[in-house]
Amino acid sequence: MSTTAMETEALASRVWVTGRTVFVELTDGRQIGFPADRFKILSAASDEQLQKVTLRLDGYALRWEDLDEDITVRGIVEGRFQLALPRAA
């Protein structure tokens, strides 16, 4: 028996921002957080702008309307970030 992409695709049920970290709760109960600074547009955003995130496409994507930025949940789960982590001093 084969599994379809819809059955295995990571979907978000909730998203929130604490400080400059974006957190996503997946429909399977996992929670994933990532620094906003891992994405070009988010790294330049104010704390207030970061707070204005919503779920779109039935949990497939995160959306920052004021920033015109969309990030897929699948990309987050797979660790596909635009920017590297800053090096420790």
PDB file of N, CA and C in Angstrom:
ATOM      1  N   MET A   1       0.834  -1.170   0.000  1.00  0.00           N
ATOM      2  CA  MET A   1       0.000   0.000   0.000  1.00  0.00           C
ATOM      3  C   MET A   1       0.885   1.242   0.000  1.00  0.00           C
ATOM      4  N   SER A   2       0.577   2.196  -0.856  1.00  0.00           N
ATOM      5  CA  SER A   2       1.392   3.402  -0.934  1.00  0.00           C
ATOM      6  C   SER A   2       0.785   4.519  -0.093  1.00  0.00           C
ATOM      7  N   THR A   3       1.643   5.451   0.298  1.00  0.00           N
ATOM      8  CA  THR A   3       1.209   6.603   1.078  1.00  0.00           C
ATOM      9  C   THR A   3       1.278   7.831   0.192  1.00  0.00           C
ATOM     10  N   THR A   4       0.239   8.632   0.207  1.00  0.00           N
ATOM     11  CA  THR A   4       0.236   9.833  -0.620  1.00  0.00           C
ATOM     12  C   THR A   4       0.972  10.963   0.085  1.00  0.00           C
ATOM     13  N   ALA A   5       1.362  11.975  -0.684  1.00  0.00           N
ATOM     14  CA  ALA A   5       2.050  13.141  -0.130  1.00  0.00           C
ATOM     15  C   ALA A   5       1.168  13.846   0.891  1.00  0.00           C
ATOM     16  N   MET A   6      -0.134  13.854   0.667  1.00  0.00           N
ATOM     17  CA  MET A   6      -1.048  14.516   1.594  1.00  0.00           C
ATOM     18  C   MET A   6      -1.004  13.861   2.974  1.00  0.00           C
ATOM     19  N   GLU A   7      -0.781  12.555   3.038  1.00  0.00           N
ATOM     20  CA  GLU A   7      -0.759  11.848   4.305  1.00  0.00           C
ATOM     21  C   GLU A   7       0.541  12.073   5.068  1.00  0.00           C
ATOM     22  N   THR A   8       1.622  12.381   4.372  1.00  0.00           N
ATOM     23  CA  THR A   8       2.918  12.523   5.016  1.00  0.00           C
ATOM     24  C   THR A   8       3.393  13.972   5.100  1.00  0.00           C
ATOM     25  N   GLU A   9       2.717  14.882   4.453  1.00  0.00           N
ATOM     26  CA  GLU A   9       3.108  16.294   4.444  1.00  0.00           C
ATOM     27  C   GLU A   9       2.969  16.899   5.839  1.00  0.00           C
ATOM     28  N   ALA A  10       3.990  17.640   6.263  1.00  0.00           N
ATOM     29  CA  ALA A  10       3.937  18.331   7.545  1.00  0.00           C
ATOM     30  C   ALA A  10       3.010  19.536   7.420  1.00  0.00           C
ATOM     31  N   LEU A  11       2.060  19.615   8.336  1.00  0.00           N
ATOM     32  CA  LEU A  11       1.115  20.733   8.361  1.00  0.00           C
ATOM     33  C   LEU A  11       1.154  21.390   9.734  1.00  0.00           C
ATOM     34  N   ALA A  12       0.972  22.700   9.756  1.00  0.00           N
ATOM     35  CA  ALA A  12       0.968  23.427  11.021  1.00  0.00           C
ATOM     36  C   ALA A  12      -0.459  23.617  11.517  1.00  0.00           C
ATOM     37  N   SER A  13      -0.623  23.494  12.822  1.00  0.00           N
ATOM     38  CA  SER A  13      -1.917  23.769  13.431  1.00  0.00           C
ATOM     39  C   SER A  13      -1.886  25.088  14.201  1.00  0.00           C
ATOM     40  N   ARG A  14      -0.671  25.575  14.476  1.00  0.00           N
ATOM     41  CA  ARG A  14      -0.528  26.815  15.239  1.00  0.00           C
ATOM     42  C   ARG A  14       0.842  27.407  14.978  1.00  0.00           C
ATOM     43  N   VAL A  15       0.938  28.749  15.016  1.00  0.00           N
ATOM     44  CA  VAL A  15       2.220  29.444  14.883  1.00  0.00           C
ATOM     45  C   VAL A  15       2.239  30.621  15.847  1.00  0.00           C
ATOM     46  N   TRP A  16       3.397  30.868  16.452  1.00  0.00           N
ATOM     47  CA  TRP A  16       3.543  32.008  17.340  1.00  0.00           C
ATOM     48  C   TRP A  16       5.011  32.429  17.363  1.00  0.00           C
ATOM     49  N   VAL A  17       5.250  33.638  17.855  1.00  0.00           N
ATOM     50  CA  VAL A  17       6.604  34.184  17.924  1.00  0.00           C
ATOM     51  C   VAL A  17       6.882  34.591  19.366  1.00  0.00           C
ATOM     52  N   THR A  18       8.039  34.167  19.869  1.00  0.00           N
ATOM     53  CA  THR A  18       8.512  34.574  21.184  1.00  0.00           C
ATOM     54  C   THR A  18       9.886  35.192  20.990  1.00  0.00           C
ATOM     55  N   GLY A  19      10.000  36.460  21.337  1.00  0.00           N
ATOM     56  CA  GLY A  19      11.257  37.150  21.054  1.00  0.00           C
ATOM     57  C   GLY A  19      11.460  37.206  19.556  1.00  0.00           C
ATOM     58  N   ARG A  20      12.573  36.674  19.093  1.00  0.00           N
ATOM     59  CA  ARG A  20      12.844  36.623  17.661  1.00  0.00           C
ATOM     60  C   ARG A  20      12.891  35.174  17.167  1.00  0.00           C
ATOM     61  N   THR A  21      12.180  34.303  17.889  1.00  0.00           N
ATOM     62  CA  THR A  21      12.081  32.901  17.499  1.00  0.00           C
ATOM     63  C   THR A  21      10.652  32.603  17.066  1.00  0.00           C
ATOM     64  N   VAL A  22      10.522  31.958  15.916  1.00  0.00           N
ATOM     65  CA  VAL A  22       9.219  31.560  15.377  1.00  0.00           C
ATOM     66  C   VAL A  22       8.997  30.095  15.739  1.00  0.00           C
ATOM     67  N   PHE A  23       7.842  29.804  16.320  1.00  0.00           N
ATOM     68  CA  PHE A  23       7.490  28.443  16.699  1.00  0.00           C
ATOM     69  C   PHE A  23       6.293  27.967  15.887  1.00  0.00           C
ATOM     70  N   VAL A  24       6.344  26.693  15.513  1.00  0.00           N
ATOM     71  CA  VAL A  24       5.264  26.073  14.758  1.00  0.00           C
ATOM     72  C   VAL A  24       4.885  24.780  15.460  1.00  0.00           C
ATOM     73  N   GLU A  25       3.593  24.599  15.699  1.00  0.00           N
ATOM     74  CA  GLU A  25       3.100  23.322  16.202  1.00  0.00           C
ATOM     75  C   GLU A  25       2.495  22.580  15.027  1.00  0.00           C
ATOM     76  N   LEU A  26       2.973  21.369  14.797  1.00  0.00           N
ATOM     77  CA  LEU A  26       2.499  20.562  13.682  1.00  0.00           C
ATOM     78  C   LEU A  26       1.271  19.757  14.089  1.00  0.00           C
ATOM     79  N   THR A  27       0.527  19.327  13.104  1.00  0.00           N
ATOM     80  CA  THR A  27      -0.698  18.571  13.380  1.00  0.00           C
ATOM     81  C   THR A  27      -0.413  17.240  14.071  1.00  0.00           C
ATOM     82  N   ASP A  28       0.827  16.739  13.993  1.00  0.00           N
ATOM     83  CA  ASP A  28       1.170  15.493  14.683  1.00  0.00           C
ATOM     84  C   ASP A  28       1.663  15.741  16.109  1.00  0.00           C
ATOM     85  N   GLY A  29       1.614  17.031  16.560  1.00  0.00           N
ATOM     86  CA  GLY A  29       1.984  17.361  17.922  1.00  0.00           C
ATOM     87  C   GLY A  29       3.400  17.876  18.106  1.00  0.00           C
ATOM     88  N   ARG A  30       4.266  17.710  17.120  1.00  0.00           N
ATOM     89  CA  ARG A  30       5.629  18.225  17.235  1.00  0.00           C
ATOM     90  C   ARG A  30       5.615  19.745  17.253  1.00  0.00           C
ATOM     91  N   GLN A  31       6.581  20.324  17.948  1.00  0.00           N
ATOM     92  CA  GLN A  31       6.780  21.766  17.936  1.00  0.00           C
ATOM     93  C   GLN A  31       8.193  22.042  17.466  1.00  0.00           C
ATOM     94  N   ILE A  32       8.311  22.987  16.538  1.00  0.00           N
ATOM     95  CA  ILE A  32       9.598  23.339  15.953  1.00  0.00           C
ATOM     96  C   ILE A  32       9.772  24.840  16.089  1.00  0.00           C
ATOM     97  N   GLY A  33      10.956  25.262  16.503  1.00  0.00           N
ATOM     98  CA  GLY A  33      11.264  26.676  16.583  1.00  0.00           C
ATOM     99  C   GLY A  33      12.494  26.981  15.755  1.00  0.00           C
ATOM    100  N   PHE A  34      12.533  28.182  15.196  1.00  0.00           N
ATOM    101  CA  PHE A  34      13.708  28.608  14.440  1.00  0.00           C
ATOM    102  C   PHE A  34      13.911  30.104  14.609  1.00  0.00           C
ATOM    103  N   PRO A  35      15.171  30.551  14.588  1.00  0.00           N
ATOM    104  CA  PRO A  35      15.442  31.984  14.690  1.00  0.00           C
ATOM    105  C   PRO A  35      14.952  32.708  13.442  1.00  0.00           C
ATOM    106  N   ALA A  36      14.256  33.810  13.630  1.00  0.00           N
ATOM    107  CA  ALA A  36      13.787  34.609  12.490  1.00  0.00           C
ATOM    108  C   ALA A  36      14.957  35.049  11.615  1.00  0.00           C
ATOM    109  N   ASP A  37      16.119  35.189  12.215  1.00  0.00           N
ATOM    110  CA  ASP A  37      17.293  35.644  11.472  1.00  0.00           C
ATOM    111  C   ASP A  37      17.815  34.627  10.459  1.00  0.00           C
ATOM    112  N   ARG A  38      17.184  33.470  10.354  1.00  0.00           N
ATOM    113  CA  ARG A  38      17.572  32.478   9.343  1.00  0.00           C
ATOM    114  C   ARG A  38      16.965  32.791   7.974  1.00  0.00           C
ATOM    115  N   PHE A  39      16.102  33.824   7.918  1.00  0.00           N
ATOM    116  CA  PHE A  39      15.486  34.251   6.655  1.00  0.00           C
ATOM    117  C   PHE A  39      15.748  35.736   6.441  1.00  0.00           C
ATOM    118  N   LYS A  40      16.120  36.107   5.226  1.00  0.00           N
ATOM    119  CA  LYS A  40      16.518  37.477   4.909  1.00  0.00           C
ATOM    120  C   LYS A  40      15.484  38.510   5.325  1.00  0.00           C
ATOM    121  N   ILE A  41      14.265  38.350   4.883  1.00  0.00           N
ATOM    122  CA  ILE A  41      13.234  39.355   5.162  1.00  0.00           C
ATOM    123  C   ILE A  41      12.897  39.384   6.647  1.00  0.00           C
ATOM    124  N   LEU A  42      12.805  38.233   7.261  1.00  0.00           N
ATOM    125  CA  LEU A  42      12.474  38.194   8.684  1.00  0.00           C
ATOM    126  C   LEU A  42      13.593  38.789   9.537  1.00  0.00           C
ATOM    127  N   SER A  43      14.831  38.633   9.112  1.00  0.00           N
ATOM    128  CA  SER A  43      15.951  39.170   9.892  1.00  0.00           C
ATOM    129  C   SER A  43      15.920  40.694   9.952  1.00  0.00           C
ATOM    130  N   ALA A  44      15.335  41.327   8.945  1.00  0.00           N
ATOM    131  CA  ALA A  44      15.251  42.789   8.910  1.00  0.00           C
ATOM    132  C   ALA A  44      13.954  43.304   9.533  1.00  0.00           C
ATOM    133  N   ALA A  45      13.060  42.410   9.919  1.00  0.00           N
ATOM    134  CA  ALA A  45      11.751  42.806  10.452  1.00  0.00           C
ATOM    135  C   ALA A  45      11.861  43.258  11.904  1.00  0.00           C
ATOM    136  N   SER A  46      10.966  44.149  12.279  1.00  0.00           N
ATOM    137  CA  SER A  46      10.881  44.559  13.685  1.00  0.00           C
ATOM    138  C   SER A  46      10.220  43.438  14.485  1.00  0.00           C
ATOM    139  N   ASP A  47      10.363  43.510  15.802  1.00  0.00           N
ATOM    140  CA  ASP A  47       9.707  42.519  16.659  1.00  0.00           C
ATOM    141  C   ASP A  47       8.198  42.550  16.456  1.00  0.00           C
ATOM    142  N   GLU A  48       7.641  43.744  16.295  1.00  0.00           N
ATOM    143  CA  GLU A  48       6.202  43.891  16.073  1.00  0.00           C
ATOM    144  C   GLU A  48       5.772  43.236  14.753  1.00  0.00           C
ATOM    145  N   GLN A  49       6.560  43.419  13.710  1.00  0.00           N
ATOM    146  CA  GLN A  49       6.233  42.806  12.425  1.00  0.00           C
ATOM    147  C   GLN A  49       6.289  41.288  12.506  1.00  0.00           C
ATOM    148  N   LEU A  50       7.261  40.750  13.240  1.00  0.00           N
ATOM    149  CA  LEU A  50       7.378  39.289  13.383  1.00  0.00           C
ATOM    150  C   LEU A  50       6.146  38.685  14.050  1.00  0.00           C
ATOM    151  N   GLN A  51       5.553  39.407  14.983  1.00  0.00           N
ATOM    152  CA  GLN A  51       4.386  38.918  15.706  1.00  0.00           C
ATOM    153  C   GLN A  51       3.174  38.709  14.798  1.00  0.00           C
ATOM    154  N   LYS A  52       3.144  39.388  13.668  1.00  0.00           N
ATOM    155  CA  LYS A  52       1.970  39.361  12.785  1.00  0.00           C
ATOM    156  C   LYS A  52       2.028  38.214  11.778  1.00  0.00           C
ATOM    157  N   VAL A  53       2.264  37.025  12.258  1.00  0.00           N
ATOM    158  CA  VAL A  53       2.340  35.833  11.406  1.00  0.00           C
ATOM    159  C   VAL A  53       1.018  35.080  11.468  1.00  0.00           C
ATOM    160  N   THR A  54       0.619  34.521  10.342  1.00  0.00           N
ATOM    161  CA  THR A  54      -0.601  33.719  10.272  1.00  0.00           C
ATOM    162  C   THR A  54      -0.317  32.430   9.514  1.00  0.00           C
ATOM    163  N   LEU A  55      -1.204  31.453   9.716  1.00  0.00           N
ATOM    164  CA  LEU A  55      -1.138  30.217   8.936  1.00  0.00           C
ATOM    165  C   LEU A  55      -1.942  30.408   7.668  1.00  0.00           C
ATOM    166  N   ARG A  56      -1.446  29.874   6.577  1.00  0.00           N
ATOM    167  CA  ARG A  56      -2.143  29.948   5.290  1.00  0.00           C
ATOM    168  C   ARG A  56      -2.168  28.567   4.650  1.00  0.00           C
ATOM    169  N   LEU A  57      -3.012  28.448   3.651  1.00  0.00           N
ATOM    170  CA  LEU A  57      -3.114  27.219   2.841  1.00  0.00           C
ATOM    171  C   LEU A  57      -3.339  25.985   3.715  1.00  0.00           C
ATOM    172  N   ASP A  58      -4.260  26.111   4.656  1.00  0.00           N
ATOM    173  CA  ASP A  58      -4.610  24.986   5.540  1.00  0.00           C
ATOM    174  C   ASP A  58      -3.425  24.422   6.305  1.00  0.00           C
ATOM    175  N   GLY A  59      -2.494  25.297   6.711  1.00  0.00           N
ATOM    176  CA  GLY A  59      -1.357  24.872   7.506  1.00  0.00           C
ATOM    177  C   GLY A  59      -0.111  24.517   6.726  1.00  0.00           C
ATOM    178  N   TYR A  60      -0.117  24.729   5.417  1.00  0.00           N
ATOM    179  CA  TYR A  60       1.055  24.434   4.594  1.00  0.00           C
ATOM    180  C   TYR A  60       2.095  25.546   4.623  1.00  0.00           C
ATOM    181  N   ALA A  61       1.695  26.769   5.021  1.00  0.00           N
ATOM    182  CA  ALA A  61       2.617  27.900   4.939  1.00  0.00           C
ATOM    183  C   ALA A  61       2.375  28.900   6.059  1.00  0.00           C
ATOM    184  N   LEU A  62       3.434  29.650   6.374  1.00  0.00           N
ATOM    185  CA  LEU A  62       3.365  30.781   7.281  1.00  0.00           C
ATOM    186  C   LEU A  62       3.357  32.035   6.424  1.00  0.00           C
ATOM    187  N   ARG A  63       2.621  33.057   6.862  1.00  0.00           N
ATOM    188  CA  ARG A  63       2.498  34.287   6.080  1.00  0.00           C
ATOM    189  C   ARG A  63       2.665  35.510   6.971  1.00  0.00           C
ATOM    190  N   TRP A  64       3.532  36.427   6.529  1.00  0.00           N
ATOM    191  CA  TRP A  64       3.679  37.740   7.128  1.00  0.00           C
ATOM    192  C   TRP A  64       3.200  38.732   6.082  1.00  0.00           C
ATOM    193  N   GLU A  65       1.954  39.149   6.194  1.00  0.00           N
ATOM    194  CA  GLU A  65       1.328  40.012   5.185  1.00  0.00           C
ATOM    195  C   GLU A  65       2.066  41.339   5.046  1.00  0.00           C
ATOM    196  N   ASP A  66       2.376  41.993   6.164  1.00  0.00           N
ATOM    197  CA  ASP A  66       3.058  43.293   6.120  1.00  0.00           C
ATOM    198  C   ASP A  66       4.432  43.213   5.470  1.00  0.00           C
ATOM    199  N   LEU A  67       5.073  42.051   5.557  1.00  0.00           N
ATOM    200  CA  LEU A  67       6.413  41.867   4.989  1.00  0.00           C
ATOM    201  C   LEU A  67       6.376  41.223   3.608  1.00  0.00           C
ATOM    202  N   ASP A  68       5.201  40.784   3.182  1.00  0.00           N
ATOM    203  CA  ASP A  68       5.028  40.049   1.928  1.00  0.00           C
ATOM    204  C   ASP A  68       5.955  38.832   1.892  1.00  0.00           C
ATOM    205  N   GLU A  69       5.948  38.067   2.978  1.00  0.00           N
ATOM    206  CA  GLU A  69       6.824  36.904   3.125  1.00  0.00           C
ATOM    207  C   GLU A  69       5.997  35.654   3.404  1.00  0.00           C
ATOM    208  N   ASP A  70       6.319  34.581   2.696  1.00  0.00           N
ATOM    209  CA  ASP A  70       5.699  33.272   2.889  1.00  0.00           C
ATOM    210  C   ASP A  70       6.807  32.247   3.076  1.00  0.00           C
ATOM    211  N   ILE A  71       6.618  31.345   4.024  1.00  0.00           N
ATOM    212  CA  ILE A  71       7.576  30.264   4.259  1.00  0.00           C
ATOM    213  C   ILE A  71       6.778  28.976   4.383  1.00  0.00           C
ATOM    214  N   THR A  72       7.201  27.944   3.672  1.00  0.00           N
ATOM    215  CA  THR A  72       6.468  26.683   3.745  1.00  0.00           C
ATOM    216  C   THR A  72       6.834  25.924   5.016  1.00  0.00           C
ATOM    217  N   VAL A  73       5.864  25.243   5.554  1.00  0.00           N
ATOM    218  CA  VAL A  73       6.092  24.414   6.733  1.00  0.00           C
ATOM    219  C   VAL A  73       7.041  23.271   6.359  1.00  0.00           C
ATOM    220  N   ARG A  74       6.880  22.725   5.205  1.00  0.00           N
ATOM    221  CA  ARG A  74       7.776  21.645   4.759  1.00  0.00           C
ATOM    222  C   ARG A  74       9.233  22.099   4.751  1.00  0.00           C
ATOM    223  N   GLY A  75       9.475  23.315   4.259  1.00  0.00           N
ATOM    224  CA  GLY A  75      10.839  23.844   4.240  1.00  0.00           C
ATOM    225  C   GLY A  75      11.423  23.979   5.636  1.00  0.00           C
ATOM    226  N   ILE A  76      10.601  24.408   6.577  1.00  0.00           N
ATOM    227  CA  ILE A  76      11.057  24.536   7.964  1.00  0.00           C
ATOM    228  C   ILE A  76      11.406  23.164   8.529  1.00  0.00           C
ATOM    229  N   VAL A  77      10.508  22.205   8.343  1.00  0.00           N
ATOM    230  CA  VAL A  77      10.727  20.849   8.858  1.00  0.00           C
ATOM    231  C   VAL A  77      11.988  20.236   8.248  1.00  0.00           C
ATOM    232  N   GLU A  78      12.234  20.505   6.987  1.00  0.00           N
ATOM    233  CA  GLU A  78      13.406  19.954   6.302  1.00  0.00           C
ATOM    234  C   GLU A  78      14.674  20.767   6.555  1.00  0.00           C
ATOM    235  N   GLY A  79      14.555  21.873   7.285  1.00  0.00           N
ATOM    236  CA  GLY A  79      15.734  22.672   7.622  1.00  0.00           C
ATOM    237  C   GLY A  79      16.258  23.512   6.477  1.00  0.00           C
ATOM    238  N   ARG A  80      15.395  23.886   5.549  1.00  0.00           N
ATOM    239  CA  ARG A  80      15.821  24.704   4.401  1.00  0.00           C
ATOM    240  C   ARG A  80      15.694  26.186   4.754  1.00  0.00           C
ATOM    241  N   PHE A  81      16.768  26.743   5.287  1.00  0.00           N
ATOM    242  CA  PHE A  81      16.807  28.147   5.673  1.00  0.00           C
ATOM    243  C   PHE A  81      17.670  28.921   4.677  1.00  0.00           C
ATOM    244  N   GLN A  82      17.418  30.219   4.546  1.00  0.00           N
ATOM    245  CA  GLN A  82      18.168  31.040   3.609  1.00  0.00           C
ATOM    246  C   GLN A  82      19.545  31.424   4.154  1.00  0.00           C
ATOM    247  N   LEU A  83      19.630  31.619   5.449  1.00  0.00           N
ATOM    248  CA  LEU A  83      20.869  32.117   6.066  1.00  0.00           C
ATOM    249  C   LEU A  83      21.398  31.118   7.084  1.00  0.00           C
ATOM    250  N   ALA A  84      22.709  31.080   7.201  1.00  0.00           N
ATOM    251  CA  ALA A  84      23.347  30.189   8.172  1.00  0.00           C
ATOM    252  C   ALA A  84      23.200  30.744   9.586  1.00  0.00           C
ATOM    253  N   LEU A  85      23.361  29.874  10.559  1.00  0.00           N
ATOM    254  CA  LEU A  85      23.380  30.327  11.951  1.00  0.00           C
ATOM    255  C   LEU A  85      24.613  31.191  12.156  1.00  0.00           C
ATOM    256  N   PRO A  86      24.491  32.236  12.962  1.00  0.00           N
ATOM    257  CA  PRO A  86      25.682  33.047  13.244  1.00  0.00           C
ATOM    258  C   PRO A  86      26.720  32.206  14.001  1.00  0.00           C
ATOM    259  N   ARG A  87      27.969  32.475  13.739  1.00  0.00           N
ATOM    260  CA  ARG A  87      29.039  31.740  14.407  1.00  0.00           C
ATOM    261  C   ARG A  87      29.194  32.243  15.833  1.00  0.00           C
ATOM    262  N   ALA A  88      29.438  31.324  16.747  1.00  0.00           N
ATOM    263  CA  ALA A  88      29.670  31.690  18.155  1.00  0.00           C
ATOM    264  C   ALA A  88      31.002  32.401  18.279  1.00  0.00           C
ATOM    265  N   ALA A  89      31.017  33.419  19.113  1.00  0.00           N
ATOM    266  CA  ALA A  89      32.264  34.193  19.301  1.00  0.00           C
ATOM    267  C   ALA A  89      33.207  33.505  20.258  1.00  0.00           C
TER     268      ALA A  89
END
